[in-house]
């Protein structure tokens, strides 16, 4: 039961870190989170979270507005 509580606390800490930091600071936070450094599975999850966060930041920087497609019909 205590192990589940530890995992829940880690998940909440990771979610808090993930939503509040930029990718550079996120990487530093993951490097300083002991549980991640001691668990290969947690490292994989953290790496995937970094990919998602990086993609999100890139999307915010390079937003493209909706593309309007116009179709013209030409009558013979």
PDB file of N, CA and C in Angstrom:
ATOM      1  N   UNK A   1       0.823  -1.196   0.000  1.00  0.00           N
ATOM      2  CA  UNK A   1       0.000   0.000   0.000  1.00  0.00           C
ATOM      3  C   UNK A   1       0.866   1.257   0.000  1.00  0.00           C
ATOM      4  N   UNK A   2       1.931   1.234   0.795  1.00  0.00           N
ATOM      5  CA  UNK A   2       2.801   2.411   0.844  1.00  0.00           C
ATOM      6  C   UNK A   2       3.487   2.631  -0.498  1.00  0.00           C
ATOM      7  N   UNK A   3       3.810   1.537  -1.200  1.00  0.00           N
ATOM      8  CA  UNK A   3       4.432   1.655  -2.520  1.00  0.00           C
ATOM      9  C   UNK A   3       3.489   2.380  -3.483  1.00  0.00           C
ATOM     10  N   UNK A   4       2.190   2.051  -3.428  1.00  0.00           N
ATOM     11  CA  UNK A   4       1.209   2.728  -4.277  1.00  0.00           C
ATOM     12  C   UNK A   4       1.135   4.216  -3.949  1.00  0.00           C
ATOM     13  N   UNK A   5       1.214   4.537  -2.680  1.00  0.00           N
ATOM     14  CA  UNK A   5       1.184   5.936  -2.258  1.00  0.00           C
ATOM     15  C   UNK A   5       2.414   6.674  -2.777  1.00  0.00           C
ATOM     16  N   UNK A   6       3.580   6.016  -2.723  1.00  0.00           N
ATOM     17  CA  UNK A   6       4.799   6.619  -3.259  1.00  0.00           C
ATOM     18  C   UNK A   6       4.657   6.883  -4.752  1.00  0.00           C
ATOM     19  N   UNK A   7       4.081   5.930  -5.487  1.00  0.00           N
ATOM     20  CA  UNK A   7       3.914   6.089  -6.935  1.00  0.00           C
ATOM     21  C   UNK A   7       2.920   7.214  -7.234  1.00  0.00           C
ATOM     22  N   UNK A   8       1.878   7.310  -6.429  1.00  0.00           N
ATOM     23  CA  UNK A   8       0.896   8.378  -6.626  1.00  0.00           C
ATOM     24  C   UNK A   8       1.539   9.735  -6.374  1.00  0.00           C
ATOM     25  N   UNK A   9       2.323   9.839  -5.311  1.00  0.00           N
ATOM     26  CA  UNK A   9       3.010  11.097  -5.015  1.00  0.00           C
ATOM     27  C   UNK A   9       3.973  11.462  -6.135  1.00  0.00           C
ATOM     28  N   UNK A  10       4.705  10.475  -6.654  1.00  0.00           N
ATOM     29  CA  UNK A  10       5.629  10.737  -7.755  1.00  0.00           C
ATOM     30  C   UNK A  10       4.858  11.203  -8.985  1.00  0.00           C
ATOM     31  N   UNK A  11       3.751  10.548  -9.281  1.00  0.00           N
ATOM     32  CA  UNK A  11       2.951  10.934 -10.444  1.00  0.00           C
ATOM     33  C   UNK A  11       2.438  12.364 -10.307  1.00  0.00           C
ATOM     34  N   UNK A  12       2.000  12.734  -9.119  1.00  0.00           N
ATOM     35  CA  UNK A  12       1.527  14.103  -8.900  1.00  0.00           C
ATOM     36  C   UNK A  12       2.664  15.108  -9.028  1.00  0.00           C
ATOM     37  N   UNK A  13       3.831  14.768  -8.491  1.00  0.00           N
ATOM     38  CA  UNK A  13       4.986  15.665  -8.618  1.00  0.00           C
ATOM     39  C   UNK A  13       5.380  15.829 -10.076  1.00  0.00           C
ATOM     40  N   UNK A  14       5.396  14.725 -10.830  1.00  0.00           N
ATOM     41  CA  UNK A  14       5.753  14.798 -12.248  1.00  0.00           C
ATOM     42  C   UNK A  14       4.744  15.644 -13.024  1.00  0.00           C
ATOM     43  N   UNK A  15       3.473  15.455 -12.738  1.00  0.00           N
ATOM     44  CA  UNK A  15       2.445  16.239 -13.427  1.00  0.00           C
ATOM     45  C   UNK A  15       2.607  17.722 -13.130  1.00  0.00           C
ATOM     46  N   UNK A  16       2.916  18.053 -11.900  1.00  0.00           N
ATOM     47  CA  UNK A  16       3.112  19.447 -11.513  1.00  0.00           C
ATOM     48  C   UNK A  16       4.334  20.031 -12.216  1.00  0.00           C
ATOM     49  N   UNK A  17       5.421  19.279 -12.236  1.00  0.00           N
ATOM     50  CA  UNK A  17       6.636  19.735 -12.924  1.00  0.00           C
ATOM     51  C   UNK A  17       6.345  19.912 -14.410  1.00  0.00           C
ATOM     52  N   UNK A  18       5.684  18.938 -15.001  1.00  0.00           N
ATOM     53  CA  UNK A  18       5.439  18.918 -16.442  1.00  0.00           C
ATOM     54  C   UNK A  18       4.619  20.110 -16.905  1.00  0.00           C
ATOM     55  N   UNK A  19       3.603  20.460 -16.145  1.00  0.00           N
ATOM     56  CA  UNK A  19       2.716  21.534 -16.589  1.00  0.00           C
ATOM     57  C   UNK A  19       3.265  22.926 -16.320  1.00  0.00           C
ATOM     58  N   UNK A  20       4.265  23.045 -15.462  1.00  0.00           N
ATOM     59  CA  UNK A  20       4.687  24.384 -15.063  1.00  0.00           C
ATOM     60  C   UNK A  20       6.030  24.845 -15.631  1.00  0.00           C
ATOM     61  N   UNK A  21       6.791  23.968 -16.239  1.00  0.00           N
ATOM     62  CA  UNK A  21       8.140  24.344 -16.650  1.00  0.00           C
ATOM     63  C   UNK A  21       8.345  24.286 -18.155  1.00  0.00           C
ATOM     64  N   UNK A  22       9.331  25.035 -18.624  1.00  0.00           N
ATOM     65  CA  UNK A  22       9.756  24.957 -20.013  1.00  0.00           C
ATOM     66  C   UNK A  22      10.576  23.683 -20.189  1.00  0.00           C
ATOM     67  N   UNK A  23      10.786  23.220 -21.436  1.00  0.00           N
ATOM     68  CA  UNK A  23      11.541  21.978 -21.626  1.00  0.00           C
ATOM     69  C   UNK A  23      12.929  21.981 -20.982  1.00  0.00           C
ATOM     70  N   UNK A  24      13.629  23.107 -21.022  1.00  0.00           N
ATOM     71  CA  UNK A  24      14.973  23.154 -20.439  1.00  0.00           C
ATOM     72  C   UNK A  24      14.916  22.966 -18.923  1.00  0.00           C
ATOM     73  N   UNK A  25      13.995  23.656 -18.291  1.00  0.00           N
ATOM     74  CA  UNK A  25      13.859  23.526 -16.830  1.00  0.00           C
ATOM     75  C   UNK A  25      13.261  22.176 -16.461  1.00  0.00           C
ATOM     76  N   UNK A  26      12.429  21.643 -17.332  1.00  0.00           N
ATOM     77  CA  UNK A  26      11.841  20.326 -17.107  1.00  0.00           C
ATOM     78  C   UNK A  26      12.931  19.264 -17.068  1.00  0.00           C
ATOM     79  N   UNK A  27      13.868  19.338 -17.996  1.00  0.00           N
ATOM     80  CA  UNK A  27      14.982  18.388 -18.021  1.00  0.00           C
ATOM     81  C   UNK A  27      15.783  18.473 -16.730  1.00  0.00           C
ATOM     82  N   UNK A  28      16.063  19.676 -16.273  1.00  0.00           N
ATOM     83  CA  UNK A  28      16.807  19.848 -15.018  1.00  0.00           C
ATOM     84  C   UNK A  28      16.027  19.286 -13.835  1.00  0.00           C
ATOM     85  N   UNK A  29      14.720  19.497 -13.823  1.00  0.00           N
ATOM     86  CA  UNK A  29      13.898  18.963 -12.728  1.00  0.00           C
ATOM     87  C   UNK A  29      13.915  17.441 -12.731  1.00  0.00           C
ATOM     88  N   UNK A  30      13.850  16.838 -13.918  1.00  0.00           N
ATOM     89  CA  UNK A  30      13.897  15.380 -13.998  1.00  0.00           C
ATOM     90  C   UNK A  30      15.252  14.843 -13.532  1.00  0.00           C
ATOM     91  N   UNK A  31      16.322  15.573 -13.844  1.00  0.00           N
ATOM     92  CA  UNK A  31      17.658  15.138 -13.417  1.00  0.00           C
ATOM     93  C   UNK A  31      17.789  15.151 -11.899  1.00  0.00           C
ATOM     94  N   UNK A  32      17.030  16.004 -11.244  1.00  0.00           N
ATOM     95  CA  UNK A  32      17.111  16.124  -9.785  1.00  0.00           C
ATOM     96  C   UNK A  32      16.037  15.338  -9.036  1.00  0.00           C
ATOM     97  N   UNK A  33      15.203  14.602  -9.758  1.00  0.00           N
ATOM     98  CA  UNK A  33      14.172  13.786  -9.114  1.00  0.00           C
ATOM     99  C   UNK A  33      14.735  12.389  -8.901  1.00  0.00           C
ATOM    100  N   UNK A  34      15.002  12.063  -7.664  1.00  0.00           N
ATOM    101  CA  UNK A  34      15.678  10.816  -7.301  1.00  0.00           C
ATOM    102  C   UNK A  34      14.973   9.575  -7.845  1.00  0.00           C
ATOM    103  N   UNK A  35      13.642   9.537  -7.750  1.00  0.00           N
ATOM    104  CA  UNK A  35      12.896   8.355  -8.181  1.00  0.00           C
ATOM    105  C   UNK A  35      13.096   8.066  -9.664  1.00  0.00           C
ATOM    106  N   UNK A  36      13.182   9.118 -10.457  1.00  0.00           N
ATOM    107  CA  UNK A  36      13.379   8.931 -11.893  1.00  0.00           C
ATOM    108  C   UNK A  36      14.764   8.362 -12.164  1.00  0.00           C
ATOM    109  N   UNK A  37      15.749   8.853 -11.457  1.00  0.00           N
ATOM    110  CA  UNK A  37      17.117   8.400 -11.683  1.00  0.00           C
ATOM    111  C   UNK A  37      17.332   6.947 -11.266  1.00  0.00           C
ATOM    112  N   UNK A  38      16.503   6.430 -10.373  1.00  0.00           N
ATOM    113  CA  UNK A  38      16.673   5.065  -9.885  1.00  0.00           C
ATOM    114  C   UNK A  38      15.787   4.055 -10.602  1.00  0.00           C
ATOM    115  N   UNK A  39      14.947   4.476 -11.511  1.00  0.00           N
ATOM    116  CA  UNK A  39      14.011   3.561 -12.162  1.00  0.00           C
ATOM    117  C   UNK A  39      14.058   3.741 -13.674  1.00  0.00           C
ATOM    118  N   UNK A  40      14.375   2.657 -14.371  1.00  0.00           N
ATOM    119  CA  UNK A  40      14.435   2.723 -15.829  1.00  0.00           C
ATOM    120  C   UNK A  40      13.058   3.061 -16.413  1.00  0.00           C
ATOM    121  N   UNK A  41      12.011   2.470 -15.848  1.00  0.00           N
ATOM    122  CA  UNK A  41      10.654   2.744 -16.347  1.00  0.00           C
ATOM    123  C   UNK A  41      10.297   4.220 -16.177  1.00  0.00           C
ATOM    124  N   UNK A  42      10.661   4.791 -15.040  1.00  0.00           N
ATOM    125  CA  UNK A  42      10.373   6.210 -14.811  1.00  0.00           C
ATOM    126  C   UNK A  42      11.185   7.095 -15.747  1.00  0.00           C
ATOM    127  N   UNK A  43      12.401   6.670 -16.088  1.00  0.00           N
ATOM    128  CA  UNK A  43      13.205   7.437 -17.045  1.00  0.00           C
ATOM    129  C   UNK A  43      12.536   7.454 -18.410  1.00  0.00           C
ATOM    130  N   UNK A  44      11.974   6.304 -18.809  1.00  0.00           N
ATOM    131  CA  UNK A  44      11.285   6.228 -20.100  1.00  0.00           C
ATOM    132  C   UNK A  44      10.065   7.146 -20.103  1.00  0.00           C
ATOM    133  N   UNK A  45       9.295   7.117 -19.029  1.00  0.00           N
ATOM    134  CA  UNK A  45       8.119   7.989 -18.926  1.00  0.00           C
ATOM    135  C   UNK A  45       8.540   9.456 -18.968  1.00  0.00           C
ATOM    136  N   UNK A  46       9.582   9.797 -18.237  1.00  0.00           N
ATOM    137  CA  UNK A  46      10.064  11.181 -18.224  1.00  0.00           C
ATOM    138  C   UNK A  46      10.527  11.609 -19.615  1.00  0.00           C
ATOM    139  N   UNK A  47      11.199  10.702 -20.326  1.00  0.00           N
ATOM    140  CA  UNK A  47      11.669  11.027 -21.670  1.00  0.00           C
ATOM    141  C   UNK A  47      10.480  11.281 -22.601  1.00  0.00           C
ATOM    142  N   UNK A  48       9.445  10.458 -22.498  1.00  0.00           N
ATOM    143  CA  UNK A  48       8.258  10.666 -23.331  1.00  0.00           C
ATOM    144  C   UNK A  48       7.548  11.968 -22.962  1.00  0.00           C
ATOM    145  N   UNK A  49       7.535  12.295 -21.680  1.00  0.00           N
ATOM    146  CA  UNK A  49       6.949  13.565 -21.255  1.00  0.00           C
ATOM    147  C   UNK A  49       7.732  14.728 -21.859  1.00  0.00           C
ATOM    148  N   UNK A  50       9.042  14.590 -21.927  1.00  0.00           N
ATOM    149  CA  UNK A  50       9.878  15.636 -22.535  1.00  0.00           C
ATOM    150  C   UNK A  50       9.530  15.796 -24.008  1.00  0.00           C
ATOM    151  N   UNK A  51       9.324  14.672 -24.701  1.00  0.00           N
ATOM    152  CA  UNK A  51       8.968  14.746 -26.115  1.00  0.00           C
ATOM    153  C   UNK A  51       7.647  15.488 -26.300  1.00  0.00           C
ATOM    154  N   UNK A  52       6.674  15.164 -25.476  1.00  0.00           N
ATOM    155  CA  UNK A  52       5.368  15.826 -25.572  1.00  0.00           C
ATOM    156  C   UNK A  52       5.498  17.316 -25.277  1.00  0.00           C
ATOM    157  N   UNK A  53       6.239  17.656 -24.228  1.00  0.00           N
ATOM    158  CA  UNK A  53       6.411  19.064 -23.852  1.00  0.00           C
ATOM    159  C   UNK A  53       7.153  19.827 -24.952  1.00  0.00           C
ATOM    160  N   UNK A  54       8.172  19.222 -25.528  1.00  0.00           N
ATOM    161  CA  UNK A  54       8.918  19.875 -26.606  1.00  0.00           C
ATOM    162  C   UNK A  54       8.025  20.104 -27.820  1.00  0.00           C
ATOM    163  N   UNK A  55       7.212  19.104 -28.141  1.00  0.00           N
ATOM    164  CA  UNK A  55       6.286  19.245 -29.261  1.00  0.00           C
ATOM    165  C   UNK A  55       5.287  20.368 -28.988  1.00  0.00           C
ATOM    166  N   UNK A  56       4.782  20.417 -27.762  1.00  0.00           N
ATOM    167  CA  UNK A  56       3.827  21.460 -27.384  1.00  0.00           C
ATOM    168  C   UNK A  56       4.454  22.849 -27.518  1.00  0.00           C
ATOM    169  N   UNK A  57       5.689  22.999 -27.043  1.00  0.00           N
ATOM    170  CA  UNK A  57       6.367  24.298 -27.129  1.00  0.00           C
ATOM    171  C   UNK A  57       6.626  24.681 -28.582  1.00  0.00           C
ATOM    172  N   UNK A  58       7.030  23.712 -29.405  1.00  0.00           N
ATOM    173  CA  UNK A  58       7.267  23.990 -30.823  1.00  0.00           C
ATOM    174  C   UNK A  58       5.968  24.401 -31.508  1.00  0.00           C
ATOM    175  N   UNK A  59       4.877  23.751 -31.151  1.00  0.00           N
ATOM    176  CA  UNK A  59       3.577  24.097 -31.724  1.00  0.00           C
ATOM    177  C   UNK A  59       3.183  25.526 -31.351  1.00  0.00           C
ATOM    178  N   UNK A  60       3.419  25.900 -30.099  1.00  0.00           N
ATOM    179  CA  UNK A  60       3.078  27.255 -29.657  1.00  0.00           C
ATOM    180  C   UNK A  60       3.881  28.302 -30.423  1.00  0.00           C
ATOM    181  N   UNK A  61       5.135  27.994 -30.720  1.00  0.00           N
ATOM    182  CA  UNK A  61       5.989  28.946 -31.428  1.00  0.00           C
ATOM    183  C   UNK A  61       5.661  29.038 -32.913  1.00  0.00           C
ATOM    184  N   UNK A  62       5.192  27.959 -33.496  1.00  0.00           N
ATOM    185  CA  UNK A  62       4.998  27.900 -34.945  1.00  0.00           C
ATOM    186  C   UNK A  62       3.545  27.677 -35.329  1.00  0.00           C
ATOM    187  N   UNK A  63       2.650  28.282 -34.602  1.00  0.00           N
ATOM    188  CA  UNK A  63       1.230  28.103 -34.912  1.00  0.00           C
ATOM    189  C   UNK A  63       0.914  28.623 -36.295  1.00  0.00           C
ATOM    190  N   UNK A  64       0.179  27.836 -36.995  1.00  0.00           N
ATOM    191  CA  UNK A  64      -0.299  28.243 -38.314  1.00  0.00           C
ATOM    192  C   UNK A  64      -1.813  28.311 -38.215  1.00  0.00           C
ATOM    193  N   UNK A  65      -2.349  29.396 -38.685  1.00  0.00           N
ATOM    194  CA  UNK A  65      -3.803  29.553 -38.630  1.00  0.00           C
ATOM    195  C   UNK A  65      -4.502  28.525 -39.493  1.00  0.00           C
ATOM    196  N   UNK A  66      -5.792  28.462 -39.390  1.00  0.00           N
ATOM    197  CA  UNK A  66      -6.538  27.502 -40.201  1.00  0.00           C
ATOM    198  C   UNK A  66      -6.327  27.777 -41.684  1.00  0.00           C
ATOM    199  N   UNK A  67      -6.169  26.737 -42.413  1.00  0.00           N
ATOM    200  CA  UNK A  67      -5.925  26.869 -43.851  1.00  0.00           C
ATOM    201  C   UNK A  67      -7.256  26.730 -44.577  1.00  0.00           C
ATOM    202  N   UNK A  68      -7.589  27.737 -45.344  1.00  0.00           N
ATOM    203  CA  UNK A  68      -8.835  27.701 -46.113  1.00  0.00           C
ATOM    204  C   UNK A  68      -8.531  27.107 -47.480  1.00  0.00           C
ATOM    205  N   UNK A  69      -9.253  26.097 -47.819  1.00  0.00           N
ATOM    206  CA  UNK A  69      -9.090  25.474 -49.131  1.00  0.00           C
ATOM    207  C   UNK A  69     -10.255  25.929 -49.989  1.00  0.00           C
ATOM    208  N   UNK A  70      -9.923  26.506 -51.119  1.00  0.00           N
ATOM    209  CA  UNK A  70     -10.970  26.990 -52.019  1.00  0.00           C
ATOM    210  C   UNK A  70     -10.994  26.107 -53.254  1.00  0.00           C
ATOM    211  N   UNK A  71     -12.159  25.701 -53.571  1.00  0.00           N
ATOM    212  CA  UNK A  71     -12.331  24.866 -54.759  1.00  0.00           C
ATOM    213  C   UNK A  71     -13.123  25.670 -55.777  1.00  0.00           C
ATOM    214  N   UNK A  72     -12.549  25.809 -56.953  1.00  0.00           N
ATOM    215  CA  UNK A  72     -13.218  26.553 -58.017  1.00  0.00           C
ATOM    216  C   UNK A  72     -13.710  25.567 -59.064  1.00  0.00           C
ATOM    217  N   UNK A  73     -14.965  25.706 -59.409  1.00  0.00           N
ATOM    218  CA  UNK A  73     -15.528  24.869 -60.463  1.00  0.00           C
ATOM    219  C   UNK A  73     -15.601  25.701 -61.734  1.00  0.00           C
ATOM    220  N   UNK A  74     -15.071  25.160 -62.761  1.00  0.00           N
ATOM    221  CA  UNK A  74     -15.103  25.853 -64.048  1.00  0.00           C
ATOM    222  C   UNK A  74     -16.099  25.124 -64.938  1.00  0.00           C
ATOM    223  N   UNK A  75     -17.084  25.857 -65.435  1.00  0.00           N
ATOM    224  CA  UNK A  75     -18.071  25.245 -66.336  1.00  0.00           C
ATOM    225  C   UNK A  75     -17.533  25.276 -67.757  1.00  0.00           C
ATOM    226  N   UNK A  76     -17.718  24.193 -68.483  1.00  0.00           N
ATOM    227  CA  UNK A  76     -17.268  24.215 -69.894  1.00  0.00           C
ATOM    228  C   UNK A  76     -18.171  25.040 -70.778  1.00  0.00           C
TER     229      UNK A  76
END
